[in-house]
């Protein structure tokens, strides 16, 4: 894996993690939407990682 791809995945992980944390602080549908968006991002990173080992 080249370094640019690695750092892109690290940046996406941090952004998704921050979306989940920020979504927990907001009460309502916007907070829920931010949490779900962060969760989808983390699950997509996990899917891409596991795809190489099937």
PDB file of N, CA and C in Angstrom:
ATOM      1  N   UNK A   1       0.860  -1.171   0.000  1.00  0.00           N
ATOM      2  CA  UNK A   1       0.000   0.000   0.000  1.00  0.00           C
ATOM      3  C   UNK A   1       0.906   1.235   0.000  1.00  0.00           C
ATOM      4  N   UNK A   2       0.632   2.151  -0.900  1.00  0.00           N
ATOM      5  CA  UNK A   2       1.463   3.345  -0.940  1.00  0.00           C
ATOM      6  C   UNK A   2       1.078   4.310   0.173  1.00  0.00           C
ATOM      7  N   UNK A   3       1.972   5.258   0.412  1.00  0.00           N
ATOM      8  CA  UNK A   3       1.797   6.148   1.562  1.00  0.00           C
ATOM      9  C   UNK A   3       0.612   7.087   1.409  1.00  0.00           C
ATOM     10  N   UNK A   4       0.326   7.528   0.203  1.00  0.00           N
ATOM     11  CA  UNK A   4      -0.796   8.447  -0.001  1.00  0.00           C
ATOM     12  C   UNK A   4      -2.122   7.765   0.341  1.00  0.00           C
ATOM     13  N   UNK A   5      -2.263   6.522  -0.072  1.00  0.00           N
ATOM     14  CA  UNK A   5      -3.484   5.774   0.225  1.00  0.00           C
ATOM     15  C   UNK A   5      -3.618   5.536   1.729  1.00  0.00           C
ATOM     16  N   UNK A   6      -2.498   5.233   2.376  1.00  0.00           N
ATOM     17  CA  UNK A   6      -2.502   5.017   3.823  1.00  0.00           C
ATOM     18  C   UNK A   6      -2.934   6.275   4.560  1.00  0.00           C
ATOM     19  N   UNK A   7      -2.344   7.408   4.211  1.00  0.00           N
ATOM     20  CA  UNK A   7      -2.679   8.654   4.909  1.00  0.00           C
ATOM     21  C   UNK A   7      -4.098   9.117   4.607  1.00  0.00           C
ATOM     22  N   UNK A   8      -4.599   8.800   3.410  1.00  0.00           N
ATOM     23  CA  UNK A   8      -5.992   9.108   3.095  1.00  0.00           C
ATOM     24  C   UNK A   8      -6.929   8.310   3.994  1.00  0.00           C
ATOM     25  N   UNK A   9      -6.620   7.033   4.195  1.00  0.00           N
ATOM     26  CA  UNK A   9      -7.456   6.205   5.055  1.00  0.00           C
ATOM     27  C   UNK A   9      -7.382   6.656   6.508  1.00  0.00           C
ATOM     28  N   UNK A  10      -6.219   7.096   6.951  1.00  0.00           N
ATOM     29  CA  UNK A  10      -6.087   7.627   8.313  1.00  0.00           C
ATOM     30  C   UNK A  10      -6.927   8.891   8.465  1.00  0.00           C
ATOM     31  N   UNK A  11      -6.890   9.766   7.460  1.00  0.00           N
ATOM     32  CA  UNK A  11      -7.669  11.003   7.515  1.00  0.00           C
ATOM     33  C   UNK A  11      -9.167  10.707   7.527  1.00  0.00           C
ATOM     34  N   UNK A  12      -9.612   9.757   6.719  1.00  0.00           N
ATOM     35  CA  UNK A  12     -11.029   9.389   6.691  1.00  0.00           C
ATOM     36  C   UNK A  12     -11.446   8.796   8.033  1.00  0.00           C
ATOM     37  N   UNK A  13     -10.581   7.984   8.634  1.00  0.00           N
ATOM     38  CA  UNK A  13     -10.881   7.410   9.942  1.00  0.00           C
ATOM     39  C   UNK A  13     -11.056   8.506  10.991  1.00  0.00           C
ATOM     40  N   UNK A  14     -10.150   9.465  11.011  1.00  0.00           N
ATOM     41  CA  UNK A  14     -10.227  10.551  11.996  1.00  0.00           C
ATOM     42  C   UNK A  14     -11.483  11.388  11.779  1.00  0.00           C
ATOM     43  N   UNK A  15     -11.797  11.699  10.525  1.00  0.00           N
ATOM     44  CA  UNK A  15     -12.991  12.494  10.226  1.00  0.00           C
ATOM     45  C   UNK A  15     -14.257  11.749  10.655  1.00  0.00           C
ATOM     46  N   UNK A  16     -14.334  10.460  10.352  1.00  0.00           N
ATOM     47  CA  UNK A  16     -15.519   9.679  10.728  1.00  0.00           C
ATOM     48  C   UNK A  16     -15.641   9.565  12.241  1.00  0.00           C
ATOM     49  N   UNK A  17     -14.519   9.389  12.918  1.00  0.00           N
ATOM     50  CA  UNK A  17     -14.541   9.308  14.375  1.00  0.00           C
ATOM     51  C   UNK A  17     -15.004  10.625  14.981  1.00  0.00           C
ATOM     52  N   UNK A  18     -14.544  11.741  14.427  1.00  0.00           N
ATOM     53  CA  UNK A  18     -14.967  13.047  14.919  1.00  0.00           C
ATOM     54  C   UNK A  18     -16.444  13.309  14.630  1.00  0.00           C
ATOM     55  N   UNK A  19     -16.946  12.798  13.511  1.00  0.00           N
ATOM     56  CA  UNK A  19     -18.374  12.927  13.218  1.00  0.00           C
ATOM     57  C   UNK A  19     -19.216  12.205  14.266  1.00  0.00           C
ATOM     58  N   UNK A  20     -18.764  11.039  14.689  1.00  0.00           N
ATOM     59  CA  UNK A  20     -19.504  10.294  15.704  1.00  0.00           C
ATOM     60  C   UNK A  20     -19.493  11.050  17.025  1.00  0.00           C
ATOM     61  N   UNK A  21     -18.344  11.566  17.414  1.00  0.00           N
ATOM     62  CA  UNK A  21     -18.246  12.307  18.678  1.00  0.00           C
ATOM     63  C   UNK A  21     -19.079  13.581  18.616  1.00  0.00           C
ATOM     64  N   UNK A  22     -18.977  14.316  17.520  1.00  0.00           N
ATOM     65  CA  UNK A  22     -19.746  15.555  17.385  1.00  0.00           C
ATOM     66  C   UNK A  22     -21.246  15.273  17.329  1.00  0.00           C
ATOM     67  N   UNK A  23     -21.626  14.158  16.709  1.00  0.00           N
ATOM     68  CA  UNK A  23     -23.033  13.793  16.629  1.00  0.00           C
ATOM     69  C   UNK A  23     -23.623  13.434  17.979  1.00  0.00           C
ATOM     70  N   UNK A  24     -22.796  12.909  18.881  1.00  0.00           N
ATOM     71  CA  UNK A  24     -23.295  12.581  20.217  1.00  0.00           C
ATOM     72  C   UNK A  24     -23.610  13.832  21.018  1.00  0.00           C
ATOM     73  N   UNK A  25     -22.927  14.915  20.720  1.00  0.00           N
ATOM     74  CA  UNK A  25     -23.153  16.164  21.449  1.00  0.00           C
ATOM     75  C   UNK A  25     -24.408  16.885  20.973  1.00  0.00           C
ATOM     76  N   UNK A  26     -24.824  16.633  19.749  1.00  0.00           N
ATOM     77  CA  UNK A  26     -26.029  17.262  19.200  1.00  0.00           C
ATOM     78  C   UNK A  26     -27.225  16.349  19.424  1.00  0.00           C
ATOM     79  N   UNK A  27     -28.257  16.908  19.994  1.00  0.00           N
ATOM     80  CA  UNK A  27     -29.474  16.140  20.238  1.00  0.00           C
ATOM     81  C   UNK A  27     -30.445  16.417  19.096  1.00  0.00           C
ATOM     82  N   UNK A  28     -30.991  15.374  18.533  1.00  0.00           N
ATOM     83  CA  UNK A  28     -31.955  15.520  17.452  1.00  0.00           C
ATOM     84  C   UNK A  28     -31.539  14.709  16.242  1.00  0.00           C
ATOM     85  N   UNK A  29     -32.246  14.974  15.159  1.00  0.00           N
ATOM     86  CA  UNK A  29     -32.000  14.211  13.938  1.00  0.00           C
ATOM     87  C   UNK A  29     -30.667  14.558  13.284  1.00  0.00           C
ATOM     88  N   UNK A  30     -30.191  15.784  13.455  1.00  0.00           N
ATOM     89  CA  UNK A  30     -28.899  16.137  12.865  1.00  0.00           C
ATOM     90  C   UNK A  30     -27.770  15.379  13.552  1.00  0.00           C
ATOM     91  N   UNK A  31     -27.840  15.262  14.861  1.00  0.00           N
ATOM     92  CA  UNK A  31     -26.829  14.491  15.581  1.00  0.00           C
ATOM     93  C   UNK A  31     -26.857  13.028  15.193  1.00  0.00           C
ATOM     94  N   UNK A  32     -28.056  12.485  15.055  1.00  0.00           N
ATOM     95  CA  UNK A  32     -28.196  11.094  14.638  1.00  0.00           C
ATOM     96  C   UNK A  32     -27.647  10.890  13.230  1.00  0.00           C
ATOM     97  N   UNK A  33     -27.930  11.828  12.341  1.00  0.00           N
ATOM     98  CA  UNK A  33     -27.435  11.723  10.968  1.00  0.00           C
ATOM     99  C   UNK A  33     -25.911  11.778  10.935  1.00  0.00           C
ATOM    100  N   UNK A  34     -25.311  12.633  11.751  1.00  0.00           N
ATOM    101  CA  UNK A  34     -23.853  12.710  11.796  1.00  0.00           C
ATOM    102  C   UNK A  34     -23.247  11.421  12.337  1.00  0.00           C
ATOM    103  N   UNK A  35     -23.870  10.849  13.345  1.00  0.00           N
ATOM    104  CA  UNK A  35     -23.378   9.587  13.890  1.00  0.00           C
ATOM    105  C   UNK A  35     -23.481   8.466  12.861  1.00  0.00           C
ATOM    106  N   UNK A  36     -24.594   8.415  12.151  1.00  0.00           N
ATOM    107  CA  UNK A  36     -24.766   7.374  11.135  1.00  0.00           C
ATOM    108  C   UNK A  36     -23.787   7.552   9.982  1.00  0.00           C
ATOM    109  N   UNK A  37     -23.530   8.793   9.606  1.00  0.00           N
ATOM    110  CA  UNK A  37     -22.557   9.057   8.544  1.00  0.00           C
ATOM    111  C   UNK A  37     -21.159   8.610   8.970  1.00  0.00           C
ATOM    112  N   UNK A  38     -20.794   8.904  10.204  1.00  0.00           N
ATOM    113  CA  UNK A  38     -19.507   8.449  10.715  1.00  0.00           C
ATOM    114  C   UNK A  38     -19.421   6.938  10.790  1.00  0.00           C
ATOM    115  N   UNK A  39     -20.512   6.291  11.194  1.00  0.00           N
ATOM    116  CA  UNK A  39     -20.534   4.835  11.274  1.00  0.00           C
ATOM    117  C   UNK A  39     -20.403   4.200   9.897  1.00  0.00           C
ATOM    118  N   UNK A  40     -21.083   4.757   8.914  1.00  0.00           N
ATOM    119  CA  UNK A  40     -20.973   4.242   7.544  1.00  0.00           C
ATOM    120  C   UNK A  40     -19.540   4.390   7.040  1.00  0.00           C
ATOM    121  N   UNK A  41     -18.905   5.502   7.362  1.00  0.00           N
ATOM    122  CA  UNK A  41     -17.517   5.698   6.958  1.00  0.00           C
ATOM    123  C   UNK A  41     -16.582   4.688   7.591  1.00  0.00           C
ATOM    124  N   UNK A  42     -16.745   4.431   8.886  1.00  0.00           N
ATOM    125  CA  UNK A  42     -15.893   3.451   9.561  1.00  0.00           C
ATOM    126  C   UNK A  42     -16.136   2.041   9.038  1.00  0.00           C
ATOM    127  N   UNK A  43     -17.397   1.707   8.793  1.00  0.00           N
ATOM    128  CA  UNK A  43     -17.698   0.377   8.257  1.00  0.00           C
ATOM    129  C   UNK A  43     -17.168   0.206   6.839  1.00  0.00           C
ATOM    130  N   UNK A  44     -17.171   1.269   6.050  1.00  0.00           N
ATOM    131  CA  UNK A  44     -16.624   1.167   4.694  1.00  0.00           C
ATOM    132  C   UNK A  44     -15.108   0.990   4.731  1.00  0.00           C
ATOM    133  N   UNK A  45     -14.438   1.643   5.677  1.00  0.00           N
ATOM    134  CA  UNK A  45     -12.996   1.421   5.828  1.00  0.00           C
ATOM    135  C   UNK A  45     -12.708  -0.019   6.234  1.00  0.00           C
ATOM    136  N   UNK A  46     -13.498  -0.553   7.151  1.00  0.00           N
ATOM    137  CA  UNK A  46     -13.326  -1.934   7.584  1.00  0.00           C
ATOM    138  C   UNK A  46     -13.598  -2.903   6.440  1.00  0.00           C
ATOM    139  N   UNK A  47     -14.610  -2.620   5.639  1.00  0.00           N
ATOM    140  CA  UNK A  47     -14.930  -3.474   4.495  1.00  0.00           C
ATOM    141  C   UNK A  47     -13.789  -3.482   3.478  1.00  0.00           C
ATOM    142  N   UNK A  48     -13.232  -2.295   3.211  1.00  0.00           N
ATOM    143  CA  UNK A  48     -12.128  -2.219   2.246  1.00  0.00           C
ATOM    144  C   UNK A  48     -10.892  -2.942   2.754  1.00  0.00           C
ATOM    145  N   UNK A  49     -10.653  -2.887   4.063  1.00  0.00           N
ATOM    146  CA  UNK A  49      -9.507  -3.582   4.642  1.00  0.00           C
ATOM    147  C   UNK A  49      -9.685  -5.098   4.536  1.00  0.00           C
ATOM    148  N   UNK A  50     -10.864  -5.585   4.878  1.00  0.00           N
ATOM    149  CA  UNK A  50     -11.112  -7.031   4.870  1.00  0.00           C
ATOM    150  C   UNK A  50     -11.271  -7.592   3.465  1.00  0.00           C
ATOM    151  N   UNK A  51     -11.571  -6.746   2.501  1.00  0.00           N
ATOM    152  CA  UNK A  51     -11.755  -7.200   1.120  1.00  0.00           C
ATOM    153  C   UNK A  51     -10.469  -7.812   0.567  1.00  0.00           C
ATOM    154  N   UNK A  52      -9.324  -7.313   1.011  1.00  0.00           N
ATOM    155  CA  UNK A  52      -8.044  -7.826   0.519  1.00  0.00           C
ATOM    156  C   UNK A  52      -7.741  -9.227   1.034  1.00  0.00           C
ATOM    157  N   UNK A  53      -8.367  -9.668   2.098  1.00  0.00           N
ATOM    158  CA  UNK A  53      -8.030 -10.936   2.735  1.00  0.00           C
ATOM    159  C   UNK A  53      -9.076 -12.018   2.521  1.00  0.00           C
ATOM    160  N   UNK A  54      -9.945 -11.858   1.557  1.00  0.00           N
ATOM    161  CA  UNK A  54     -10.943 -12.891   1.281  1.00  0.00           C
ATOM    162  C   UNK A  54     -10.407 -13.902   0.304  1.00  0.00           C
TER     163      UNK A  54
END
